[in-house]
């Protein structure tokens, strides 16, 4: 096993830091957990085909925009292009229609200026539409667009049929509100402030290793799996190459494991 990993390192310069981090988890008798969230899904496409091809049997959580979801996406998820080992796909609720309701400031579909009534309507409608399209694959988990959601609306989620939320950056607590589990992503591979290409291997790998290390050393929430965020609609070849190496190295290391969203949000189901 180690010889295979070292062989990969010869041809993937810079990845020794990740393998070393996994090694330290293993030496401590622990397993480093990861998960993969992909945002803005609306319909089947060649880009989604490529994503599942890269993932192999690694589970992906697709954040689907309910109001824009094409029924063909449901058919594609039910029978995606198969790699030798089929990808496990889950559906999370990406807001309602991915519309910005902030006039001046950072984009947000659910800012505090909206009324509780309209927010509750949007969330309930989104949950109902995804459940109708995707059945049990649609988990009761909200992924707010732009990873922003006014905290004053958190108490509304259970009444809307939602038991979980996923944003970005390390969580402060496992429970965003009573009955609402929070599991975030930590490394967004898109350079949004730049050319919307890949953030680069150094930044991406550094982000993964830093979060894993913080968890291992007790400087972060050890129970929150390290989350990778992709956006298949803008994903470039450099991002693809990074993901292929990450998937290969993590799958081959005995102290690393990819988690399915149903495991992560079990308390929300």
C-alpha atoms as a PDB file:
ATOM      1  CA  UNK A   1       0.000   0.000   0.000  1.00  0.00           C
ATOM      2  CA  UNK A   2       2.715   2.461   0.989  1.00  0.00           C
ATOM      3  CA  UNK A   3       4.723   1.696  -2.132  1.00  0.00           C
ATOM      4  CA  UNK A   4       1.729   2.626  -4.279  1.00  0.00           C
ATOM      5  CA  UNK A   5       1.316   5.899  -2.419  1.00  0.00           C
ATOM      6  CA  UNK A   6       4.993   6.749  -2.719  1.00  0.00           C
ATOM      7  CA  UNK A   7       4.845   5.966  -6.442  1.00  0.00           C
ATOM      8  CA  UNK A   8       2.027   8.514  -6.785  1.00  0.00           C
ATOM      9  CA  UNK A   9       4.133  11.062  -4.973  1.00  0.00           C
ATOM     10  CA  UNK A  10       6.893  10.714  -7.517  1.00  0.00           C
ATOM     11  CA  UNK A  11       4.531  11.811 -10.274  1.00  0.00           C
ATOM     12  CA  UNK A  12       2.402  14.250  -8.242  1.00  0.00           C
ATOM     13  CA  UNK A  13       4.855  16.669  -6.699  1.00  0.00           C
ATOM     14  CA  UNK A  14       3.637  18.545  -3.665  1.00  0.00           C
ATOM     15  CA  UNK A  15       1.252  15.875  -2.403  1.00  0.00           C
ATOM     16  CA  UNK A  16       3.587  14.557   0.286  1.00  0.00           C
ATOM     17  CA  UNK A  17       2.025  16.937   2.825  1.00  0.00           C
ATOM     18  CA  UNK A  18      -1.381  15.276   2.424  1.00  0.00           C
ATOM     19  CA  UNK A  19       0.016  11.747   2.616  1.00  0.00           C
ATOM     20  CA  UNK A  20       2.023  12.747   5.692  1.00  0.00           C
ATOM     21  CA  UNK A  21      -1.118  14.127   7.337  1.00  0.00           C
ATOM     22  CA  UNK A  22      -3.020  10.920   6.587  1.00  0.00           C
ATOM     23  CA  UNK A  23      -0.059   8.951   7.985  1.00  0.00           C
ATOM     24  CA  UNK A  24      -0.276  10.867  11.260  1.00  0.00           C
ATOM     25  CA  UNK A  25      -3.991  10.135  11.528  1.00  0.00           C
ATOM     26  CA  UNK A  26      -3.228   6.465  10.979  1.00  0.00           C
ATOM     27  CA  UNK A  27      -0.415   6.424  13.525  1.00  0.00           C
ATOM     28  CA  UNK A  28      -2.878   7.804  16.078  1.00  0.00           C
ATOM     29  CA  UNK A  29      -5.313   5.011  15.254  1.00  0.00           C
ATOM     30  CA  UNK A  30      -7.771   7.416  13.645  1.00  0.00           C
ATOM     31  CA  UNK A  31      -9.377   7.881  10.222  1.00  0.00           C
ATOM     32  CA  UNK A  32      -9.423  11.238   8.423  1.00  0.00           C
ATOM     33  CA  UNK A  33     -12.893  11.791   6.960  1.00  0.00           C
ATOM     34  CA  UNK A  34     -13.733  13.876   3.894  1.00  0.00           C
ATOM     35  CA  UNK A  35     -16.844  14.744   1.910  1.00  0.00           C
ATOM     36  CA  UNK A  36     -17.581  16.289  -1.477  1.00  0.00           C
ATOM     37  CA  UNK A  37     -20.288  18.869  -2.248  1.00  0.00           C
ATOM     38  CA  UNK A  38     -20.974  20.180  -5.751  1.00  0.00           C
ATOM     39  CA  UNK A  39     -23.201  23.257  -6.123  1.00  0.00           C
ATOM     40  CA  UNK A  40     -25.631  24.702  -8.693  1.00  0.00           C
ATOM     41  CA  UNK A  41     -26.931  21.527 -10.321  1.00  0.00           C
ATOM     42  CA  UNK A  42     -30.026  22.053 -12.499  1.00  0.00           C
ATOM     43  CA  UNK A  43     -29.907  19.522 -15.337  1.00  0.00           C
ATOM     44  CA  UNK A  44     -27.967  16.614 -16.781  1.00  0.00           C
ATOM     45  CA  UNK A  45     -24.908  17.628 -18.772  1.00  0.00           C
ATOM     46  CA  UNK A  46     -21.551  16.454 -20.036  1.00  0.00           C
ATOM     47  CA  UNK A  47     -19.962  18.356 -17.155  1.00  0.00           C
ATOM     48  CA  UNK A  48     -21.860  16.230 -14.644  1.00  0.00           C
ATOM     49  CA  UNK A  49     -20.862  13.137 -16.602  1.00  0.00           C
ATOM     50  CA  UNK A  50     -17.250  14.203 -16.238  1.00  0.00           C
ATOM     51  CA  UNK A  51     -17.678  14.828 -12.515  1.00  0.00           C
ATOM     52  CA  UNK A  52     -18.935  11.314 -11.748  1.00  0.00           C
ATOM     53  CA  UNK A  53     -16.231   9.872 -13.980  1.00  0.00           C
ATOM     54  CA  UNK A  54     -13.594  11.619 -11.857  1.00  0.00           C
ATOM     55  CA  UNK A  55     -15.276  10.565  -8.609  1.00  0.00           C
ATOM     56  CA  UNK A  56     -15.450   6.853  -9.357  1.00  0.00           C
ATOM     57  CA  UNK A  57     -17.074   5.357  -6.262  1.00  0.00           C
ATOM     58  CA  UNK A  58     -16.546   8.459  -4.107  1.00  0.00           C
ATOM     59  CA  UNK A  59     -19.940   9.855  -3.016  1.00  0.00           C
ATOM     60  CA  UNK A  60     -20.946  13.320  -4.223  1.00  0.00           C
ATOM     61  CA  UNK A  61     -23.611  15.568  -2.698  1.00  0.00           C
ATOM     62  CA  UNK A  62     -25.276  17.605  -5.438  1.00  0.00           C
ATOM     63  CA  UNK A  63     -26.747  20.918  -4.276  1.00  0.00           C
ATOM     64  CA  UNK A  64     -29.709  21.264  -6.663  1.00  0.00           C
ATOM     65  CA  UNK A  65     -31.618  24.520  -7.275  1.00  0.00           C
ATOM     66  CA  UNK A  66     -35.264  23.438  -6.771  1.00  0.00           C
ATOM     67  CA  UNK A  67     -37.059  26.021  -8.901  1.00  0.00           C
ATOM     68  CA  UNK A  68     -34.722  25.393 -11.844  1.00  0.00           C
ATOM     69  CA  UNK A  69     -34.378  21.623 -11.518  1.00  0.00           C
ATOM     70  CA  UNK A  70     -35.019  19.826 -14.807  1.00  0.00           C
ATOM     71  CA  UNK A  71     -36.818  16.451 -14.545  1.00  0.00           C
ATOM     72  CA  UNK A  72     -34.078  15.069 -16.793  1.00  0.00           C
ATOM     73  CA  UNK A  73     -31.660  15.556 -13.896  1.00  0.00           C
ATOM     74  CA  UNK A  74     -33.756  13.142 -11.830  1.00  0.00           C
ATOM     75  CA  UNK A  75     -33.517  10.552 -14.589  1.00  0.00           C
ATOM     76  CA  UNK A  76     -29.769  11.108 -14.881  1.00  0.00           C
ATOM     77  CA  UNK A  77     -29.244  10.723 -11.126  1.00  0.00           C
ATOM     78  CA  UNK A  78     -31.269   7.519 -11.128  1.00  0.00           C
ATOM     79  CA  UNK A  79     -29.085   6.103 -13.909  1.00  0.00           C
ATOM     80  CA  UNK A  80     -25.827   8.095 -14.143  1.00  0.00           C
ATOM     81  CA  UNK A  81     -23.010   7.105 -16.495  1.00  0.00           C
ATOM     82  CA  UNK A  82     -21.349   4.225 -14.708  1.00  0.00           C
ATOM     83  CA  UNK A  83     -17.686   4.015 -13.930  1.00  0.00           C
ATOM     84  CA  UNK A  84     -16.345   0.594 -12.817  1.00  0.00           C
ATOM     85  CA  UNK A  85     -17.711   1.441  -9.350  1.00  0.00           C
ATOM     86  CA  UNK A  86     -20.871   3.522  -9.360  1.00  0.00           C
ATOM     87  CA  UNK A  87     -20.850   6.960  -7.795  1.00  0.00           C
ATOM     88  CA  UNK A  88     -23.207   7.458  -4.876  1.00  0.00           C
ATOM     89  CA  UNK A  89     -25.197  10.626  -5.458  1.00  0.00           C
ATOM     90  CA  UNK A  90     -27.269  12.547  -2.908  1.00  0.00           C
ATOM     91  CA  UNK A  91     -29.344  15.683  -3.466  1.00  0.00           C
ATOM     92  CA  UNK A  92     -29.245  18.703  -1.154  1.00  0.00           C
ATOM     93  CA  UNK A  93     -31.525  21.757  -1.383  1.00  0.00           C
ATOM     94  CA  UNK A  94     -29.740  24.754  -2.910  1.00  0.00           C
ATOM     95  CA  UNK A  95     -32.114  27.454  -1.714  1.00  0.00           C
ATOM     96  CA  UNK A  96     -35.198  27.926  -3.881  1.00  0.00           C
ATOM     97  CA  UNK A  97     -34.331  29.745  -7.137  1.00  0.00           C
ATOM     98  CA  UNK A  98     -30.808  31.077  -6.424  1.00  0.00           C
ATOM     99  CA  UNK A  99     -32.024  34.686  -6.551  1.00  0.00           C
ATOM    100  CA  UNK A 100     -30.237  37.545  -4.799  1.00  0.00           C
ATOM    101  CA  UNK A 101     -32.466  39.589  -2.476  1.00  0.00           C
ATOM    102  CA  UNK A 102     -29.813  42.067  -1.334  1.00  0.00           C
ATOM    103  CA  UNK A 103     -29.787  45.482  -3.025  1.00  0.00           C
ATOM    104  CA  UNK A 104     -26.462  46.701  -1.692  1.00  0.00           C
ATOM    105  CA  UNK A 105     -24.078  44.160  -0.194  1.00  0.00           C
ATOM    106  CA  UNK A 106     -23.020  40.545  -0.506  1.00  0.00           C
ATOM    107  CA  UNK A 107     -25.403  38.333  -2.431  1.00  0.00           C
ATOM    108  CA  UNK A 108     -27.885  36.408  -0.323  1.00  0.00           C
ATOM    109  CA  UNK A 109     -31.140  34.627  -1.156  1.00  0.00           C
ATOM    110  CA  UNK A 110     -32.185  34.668   2.490  1.00  0.00           C
ATOM    111  CA  UNK A 111     -31.107  37.983   4.048  1.00  0.00           C
ATOM    112  CA  UNK A 112     -32.718  39.195   7.276  1.00  0.00           C
ATOM    113  CA  UNK A 113     -34.701  41.878   5.385  1.00  0.00           C
ATOM    114  CA  UNK A 114     -37.015  39.233   3.934  1.00  0.00           C
ATOM    115  CA  UNK A 115     -40.166  38.275   5.796  1.00  0.00           C
ATOM    116  CA  UNK A 116     -40.417  34.986   7.667  1.00  0.00           C
ATOM    117  CA  UNK A 117     -43.505  34.156   5.630  1.00  0.00           C
ATOM    118  CA  UNK A 118     -41.806  34.428   2.234  1.00  0.00           C
ATOM    119  CA  UNK A 119     -38.699  32.588   3.401  1.00  0.00           C
ATOM    120  CA  UNK A 120     -40.795  29.774   4.834  1.00  0.00           C
ATOM    121  CA  UNK A 121     -42.751  29.554   1.564  1.00  0.00           C
ATOM    122  CA  UNK A 122     -39.562  29.316  -0.528  1.00  0.00           C
ATOM    123  CA  UNK A 123     -37.961  26.692   1.684  1.00  0.00           C
ATOM    124  CA  UNK A 124     -41.097  24.557   1.891  1.00  0.00           C
ATOM    125  CA  UNK A 125     -41.652  24.759  -1.866  1.00  0.00           C
ATOM    126  CA  UNK A 126     -38.029  23.816  -2.508  1.00  0.00           C
ATOM    127  CA  UNK A 127     -38.174  20.820  -0.197  1.00  0.00           C
ATOM    128  CA  UNK A 128     -41.424  19.601  -1.777  1.00  0.00           C
ATOM    129  CA  UNK A 129     -40.111  19.929  -5.340  1.00  0.00           C
ATOM    130  CA  UNK A 130     -36.886  18.052  -4.671  1.00  0.00           C
ATOM    131  CA  UNK A 131     -38.690  15.289  -2.806  1.00  0.00           C
ATOM    132  CA  UNK A 132     -41.106  14.926  -5.741  1.00  0.00           C
ATOM    133  CA  UNK A 133     -38.288  14.780  -8.291  1.00  0.00           C
ATOM    134  CA  UNK A 134     -35.646  12.765  -6.450  1.00  0.00           C
ATOM    135  CA  UNK A 135     -37.485  10.821  -3.759  1.00  0.00           C
ATOM    136  CA  UNK A 136     -35.307   9.539  -0.933  1.00  0.00           C
ATOM    137  CA  UNK A 137     -32.139  10.814  -2.633  1.00  0.00           C
ATOM    138  CA  UNK A 138     -33.287  14.337  -1.695  1.00  0.00           C
ATOM    139  CA  UNK A 139     -32.001  14.831   1.831  1.00  0.00           C
ATOM    140  CA  UNK A 140     -33.603  17.437   4.146  1.00  0.00           C
ATOM    141  CA  UNK A 141     -30.493  19.604   4.072  1.00  0.00           C
ATOM    142  CA  UNK A 142     -30.303  23.253   3.019  1.00  0.00           C
ATOM    143  CA  UNK A 143     -27.306  24.612   1.111  1.00  0.00           C
ATOM    144  CA  UNK A 144     -28.017  28.353   0.945  1.00  0.00           C
ATOM    145  CA  UNK A 145     -26.816  30.031  -2.268  1.00  0.00           C
ATOM    146  CA  UNK A 146     -23.579  31.955  -1.772  1.00  0.00           C
ATOM    147  CA  UNK A 147     -23.312  30.083   1.542  1.00  0.00           C
ATOM    148  CA  UNK A 148     -25.255  32.828   3.316  1.00  0.00           C
ATOM    149  CA  UNK A 149     -28.376  32.454   5.433  1.00  0.00           C
ATOM    150  CA  UNK A 150     -29.665  34.908   8.046  1.00  0.00           C
ATOM    151  CA  UNK A 151     -29.520  33.222  11.449  1.00  0.00           C
ATOM    152  CA  UNK A 152     -32.924  34.649  12.371  1.00  0.00           C
ATOM    153  CA  UNK A 153     -34.489  32.169   9.940  1.00  0.00           C
ATOM    154  CA  UNK A 154     -32.834  29.038  11.352  1.00  0.00           C
ATOM    155  CA  UNK A 155     -35.812  28.253  13.625  1.00  0.00           C
ATOM    156  CA  UNK A 156     -37.990  28.036  10.481  1.00  0.00           C
ATOM    157  CA  UNK A 157     -36.132  25.085   9.006  1.00  0.00           C
ATOM    158  CA  UNK A 158     -37.807  22.207  10.897  1.00  0.00           C
ATOM    159  CA  UNK A 159     -41.272  23.447   9.909  1.00  0.00           C
ATOM    160  CA  UNK A 160     -40.077  23.491   6.285  1.00  0.00           C
ATOM    161  CA  UNK A 161     -39.038  19.855   6.467  1.00  0.00           C
ATOM    162  CA  UNK A 162     -35.318  20.579   6.828  1.00  0.00           C
ATOM    163  CA  UNK A 163     -33.039  19.164   9.506  1.00  0.00           C
ATOM    164  CA  UNK A 164     -29.599  20.224   8.303  1.00  0.00           C
ATOM    165  CA  UNK A 165     -27.661  23.090   6.794  1.00  0.00           C
ATOM    166  CA  UNK A 166     -24.335  23.296   4.968  1.00  0.00           C
ATOM    167  CA  UNK A 167     -22.393  26.502   4.379  1.00  0.00           C
ATOM    168  CA  UNK A 168     -18.658  27.186   4.167  1.00  0.00           C
ATOM    169  CA  UNK A 169     -15.795  27.458   6.722  1.00  0.00           C
ATOM    170  CA  UNK A 170     -15.404  25.423   9.929  1.00  0.00           C
ATOM    171  CA  UNK A 171     -18.562  25.277  11.997  1.00  0.00           C
ATOM    172  CA  UNK A 172     -18.679  26.812  15.464  1.00  0.00           C
ATOM    173  CA  UNK A 173     -21.009  24.126  16.790  1.00  0.00           C
ATOM    174  CA  UNK A 174     -22.532  20.920  15.400  1.00  0.00           C
ATOM    175  CA  UNK A 175     -26.023  22.364  15.877  1.00  0.00           C
ATOM    176  CA  UNK A 176     -26.844  25.589  14.042  1.00  0.00           C
ATOM    177  CA  UNK A 177     -30.152  25.692  15.946  1.00  0.00           C
ATOM    178  CA  UNK A 178     -32.216  23.159  17.913  1.00  0.00           C
ATOM    179  CA  UNK A 179     -32.839  20.232  15.579  1.00  0.00           C
ATOM    180  CA  UNK A 180     -30.597  21.620  12.812  1.00  0.00           C
ATOM    181  CA  UNK A 181     -27.247  19.909  12.299  1.00  0.00           C
ATOM    182  CA  UNK A 182     -24.545  21.895  10.479  1.00  0.00           C
ATOM    183  CA  UNK A 183     -21.819  20.330   8.351  1.00  0.00           C
ATOM    184  CA  UNK A 184     -19.856  22.720   6.154  1.00  0.00           C
ATOM    185  CA  UNK A 185     -17.325  22.600   3.350  1.00  0.00           C
ATOM    186  CA  UNK A 186     -13.885  24.119   3.801  1.00  0.00           C
ATOM    187  CA  UNK A 187     -12.036  24.280   0.479  1.00  0.00           C
ATOM    188  CA  UNK A 188     -13.729  25.911  -2.530  1.00  0.00           C
ATOM    189  CA  UNK A 189     -11.718  25.014  -5.628  1.00  0.00           C
ATOM    190  CA  UNK A 190     -12.958  27.990  -7.696  1.00  0.00           C
ATOM    191  CA  UNK A 191     -11.056  31.306  -7.755  1.00  0.00           C
ATOM    192  CA  UNK A 192     -14.198  33.474  -7.664  1.00  0.00           C
ATOM    193  CA  UNK A 193     -12.276  36.696  -7.123  1.00  0.00           C
ATOM    194  CA  UNK A 194     -10.027  35.914 -10.090  1.00  0.00           C
ATOM    195  CA  UNK A 195     -10.703  34.210 -13.404  1.00  0.00           C
ATOM    196  CA  UNK A 196     -13.082  31.591 -11.955  1.00  0.00           C
ATOM    197  CA  UNK A 197     -10.552  28.931 -12.744  1.00  0.00           C
ATOM    198  CA  UNK A 198      -8.792  26.573 -10.351  1.00  0.00           C
ATOM    199  CA  UNK A 199      -7.425  28.184  -7.159  1.00  0.00           C
ATOM    200  CA  UNK A 200      -4.194  26.267  -7.703  1.00  0.00           C
ATOM    201  CA  UNK A 201      -2.744  23.104  -6.224  1.00  0.00           C
ATOM    202  CA  UNK A 202      -0.854  24.874  -3.445  1.00  0.00           C
ATOM    203  CA  UNK A 203      -3.936  26.727  -2.175  1.00  0.00           C
ATOM    204  CA  UNK A 204      -6.268  23.746  -2.542  1.00  0.00           C
ATOM    205  CA  UNK A 205      -3.951  21.197  -0.991  1.00  0.00           C
ATOM    206  CA  UNK A 206      -2.942  23.615   1.745  1.00  0.00           C
ATOM    207  CA  UNK A 207      -6.582  24.188   2.662  1.00  0.00           C
ATOM    208  CA  UNK A 208      -7.290  20.464   2.911  1.00  0.00           C
ATOM    209  CA  UNK A 209      -4.189  19.741   4.976  1.00  0.00           C
ATOM    210  CA  UNK A 210      -4.735  22.687   7.332  1.00  0.00           C
ATOM    211  CA  UNK A 211      -8.287  21.636   8.124  1.00  0.00           C
ATOM    212  CA  UNK A 212      -7.281  18.016   8.663  1.00  0.00           C
ATOM    213  CA  UNK A 213      -4.397  19.084  10.885  1.00  0.00           C
ATOM    214  CA  UNK A 214      -6.586  21.391  12.967  1.00  0.00           C
ATOM    215  CA  UNK A 215      -9.003  18.542  13.557  1.00  0.00           C
ATOM    216  CA  UNK A 216      -6.222  16.102  14.460  1.00  0.00           C
ATOM    217  CA  UNK A 217      -4.632  18.524  16.934  1.00  0.00           C
ATOM    218  CA  UNK A 218      -7.923  19.424  18.588  1.00  0.00           C
ATOM    219  CA  UNK A 219      -7.889  22.960  17.215  1.00  0.00           C
ATOM    220  CA  UNK A 220     -11.111  22.371  15.284  1.00  0.00           C
ATOM    221  CA  UNK A 221     -14.196  20.187  15.429  1.00  0.00           C
ATOM    222  CA  UNK A 222     -12.839  16.693  14.861  1.00  0.00           C
ATOM    223  CA  UNK A 223     -16.313  15.362  14.052  1.00  0.00           C
ATOM    224  CA  UNK A 224     -16.815  17.718  11.106  1.00  0.00           C
ATOM    225  CA  UNK A 225     -15.469  15.966   7.983  1.00  0.00           C
ATOM    226  CA  UNK A 226     -13.204  18.003   5.738  1.00  0.00           C
ATOM    227  CA  UNK A 227     -15.386  19.296   2.917  1.00  0.00           C
ATOM    228  CA  UNK A 228     -14.377  19.857  -0.714  1.00  0.00           C
ATOM    229  CA  UNK A 229     -16.575  22.215  -2.756  1.00  0.00           C
ATOM    230  CA  UNK A 230     -16.807  22.100  -6.544  1.00  0.00           C
ATOM    231  CA  UNK A 231     -18.993  23.792  -9.157  1.00  0.00           C
ATOM    232  CA  UNK A 232     -19.222  21.518 -12.185  1.00  0.00           C
ATOM    233  CA  UNK A 233     -20.598  24.280 -14.416  1.00  0.00           C
ATOM    234  CA  UNK A 234     -17.364  26.297 -14.207  1.00  0.00           C
ATOM    235  CA  UNK A 235     -14.909  23.488 -13.513  1.00  0.00           C
ATOM    236  CA  UNK A 236     -11.736  23.500 -15.612  1.00  0.00           C
ATOM    237  CA  UNK A 237      -9.170  20.847 -16.517  1.00  0.00           C
ATOM    238  CA  UNK A 238      -6.776  21.912 -13.757  1.00  0.00           C
ATOM    239  CA  UNK A 239      -9.522  21.324 -11.191  1.00  0.00           C
ATOM    240  CA  UNK A 240     -10.240  17.932 -12.748  1.00  0.00           C
ATOM    241  CA  UNK A 241      -6.587  16.960 -12.442  1.00  0.00           C
ATOM    242  CA  UNK A 242      -6.480  17.999  -8.778  1.00  0.00           C
ATOM    243  CA  UNK A 243      -9.625  16.035  -7.961  1.00  0.00           C
ATOM    244  CA  UNK A 244      -8.336  12.903  -9.680  1.00  0.00           C
ATOM    245  CA  UNK A 245      -5.168  12.962  -7.559  1.00  0.00           C
ATOM    246  CA  UNK A 246      -7.088  13.731  -4.387  1.00  0.00           C
ATOM    247  CA  UNK A 247      -9.534  10.890  -4.995  1.00  0.00           C
ATOM    248  CA  UNK A 248      -6.750   8.417  -5.796  1.00  0.00           C
ATOM    249  CA  UNK A 249      -4.545   9.250  -2.823  1.00  0.00           C
ATOM    250  CA  UNK A 250      -7.384   9.429  -0.297  1.00  0.00           C
ATOM    251  CA  UNK A 251      -8.937   6.176  -1.499  1.00  0.00           C
ATOM    252  CA  UNK A 252      -5.644   4.296  -1.339  1.00  0.00           C
ATOM    253  CA  UNK A 253      -4.677   5.484   2.120  1.00  0.00           C
ATOM    254  CA  UNK A 254      -5.979   3.255   4.958  1.00  0.00           C
ATOM    255  CA  UNK A 255      -6.384   6.260   7.266  1.00  0.00           C
ATOM    256  CA  UNK A 256      -8.665   8.260   4.947  1.00  0.00           C
ATOM    257  CA  UNK A 257     -12.340   7.771   4.089  1.00  0.00           C
ATOM    258  CA  UNK A 258     -14.906   9.627   1.990  1.00  0.00           C
ATOM    259  CA  UNK A 259     -18.298   9.978   3.663  1.00  0.00           C
ATOM    260  CA  UNK A 260     -21.738   9.932   2.093  1.00  0.00           C
ATOM    261  CA  UNK A 261     -24.112  12.822   2.890  1.00  0.00           C
ATOM    262  CA  UNK A 262     -26.587  10.369   4.392  1.00  0.00           C
ATOM    263  CA  UNK A 263     -23.925   9.428   6.971  1.00  0.00           C
ATOM    264  CA  UNK A 264     -22.946  13.034   7.651  1.00  0.00           C
ATOM    265  CA  UNK A 265     -26.506  14.269   8.096  1.00  0.00           C
ATOM    266  CA  UNK A 266     -27.898  11.128   9.710  1.00  0.00           C
ATOM    267  CA  UNK A 267     -29.315  13.168  12.598  1.00  0.00           C
ATOM    268  CA  UNK A 268     -31.259  15.307  10.094  1.00  0.00           C
ATOM    269  CA  UNK A 269     -33.073  12.387   8.463  1.00  0.00           C
END
